[in-house]
Amino acid sequence: MADLYLKALEAERKSLWAACRLKGLPKGTPERQRIEELDQLLAEHKAKKAG
């Protein structure tokens, strides 16, 4: 079964990263901070899923 939560997190991260790259946003901006939060959530979710 598809993991919709994981797909949603990855899609949001990919979208934010593309926007940051296009705009040339530096670290510390809200968008970049959200990417860091998403990385943490993804890692936690994958760890929980693995066991």
Protein backbone atom coordinates (compact mmCIF):
# COMPACT_ATOMS: atom_id res chain seq x y z
CA MET A 1 0.00 0.00 0.00
CA ALA A 2 1.22 3.47 -0.82
CA ASP A 3 2.50 5.58 2.05
CA LEU A 4 0.62 8.81 1.38
CA TYR A 5 2.17 10.66 4.35
CA LEU A 6 5.66 9.93 3.04
CA LYS A 7 4.73 10.98 -0.49
CA ALA A 8 3.19 14.23 0.80
CA LEU A 9 6.31 15.10 2.80
CA GLU A 10 8.59 14.35 -0.14
CA ALA A 11 6.43 16.36 -2.54
CA GLU A 12 6.40 19.38 -0.23
CA ARG A 13 10.17 19.17 0.25
CA LYS A 14 10.79 18.90 -3.49
CA SER A 15 8.55 21.88 -4.19
CA LEU A 16 10.20 24.03 -1.53
CA TRP A 17 13.68 23.08 -2.67
CA ALA A 18 12.87 24.04 -6.26
CA ALA A 19 11.52 27.41 -5.12
CA CYS A 20 14.62 28.04 -3.00
CA ARG A 21 16.90 27.19 -5.90
CA LEU A 22 15.02 29.47 -8.30
CA LYS A 23 14.98 32.39 -5.90
CA GLY A 24 18.49 31.78 -4.59
CA LEU A 25 17.33 31.84 -0.98
CA PRO A 26 20.07 31.63 1.67
CA LYS A 27 20.03 29.42 4.75
CA GLY A 28 17.95 30.75 7.60
CA THR A 29 14.93 31.75 5.52
CA PRO A 30 11.55 30.26 6.50
CA GLU A 31 11.50 28.08 3.40
CA ARG A 32 14.92 26.60 4.14
CA GLN A 33 13.94 26.05 7.78
CA ARG A 34 10.84 24.17 6.64
CA ILE A 35 13.03 21.95 4.43
CA GLU A 36 15.11 21.09 7.51
CA GLU A 37 11.92 20.27 9.44
CA LEU A 38 10.74 18.06 6.58
CA ASP A 39 14.10 16.25 6.52
CA GLN A 40 13.68 15.49 10.23
CA LEU A 41 10.09 14.30 9.76
CA LEU A 42 11.12 12.09 6.84
CA ALA A 43 13.94 10.54 8.84
CA GLU A 44 11.66 9.87 11.81
CA HIS A 45 8.95 8.37 9.61
CA LYS A 46 11.38 6.11 7.77
CA ALA A 47 12.94 4.97 11.07
CA LYS A 48 9.53 4.17 12.53
CA LYS A 49 8.54 2.31 9.38
CA ALA A 50 11.77 0.27 9.37
CA GLY A 51 11.14 -0.95 12.87
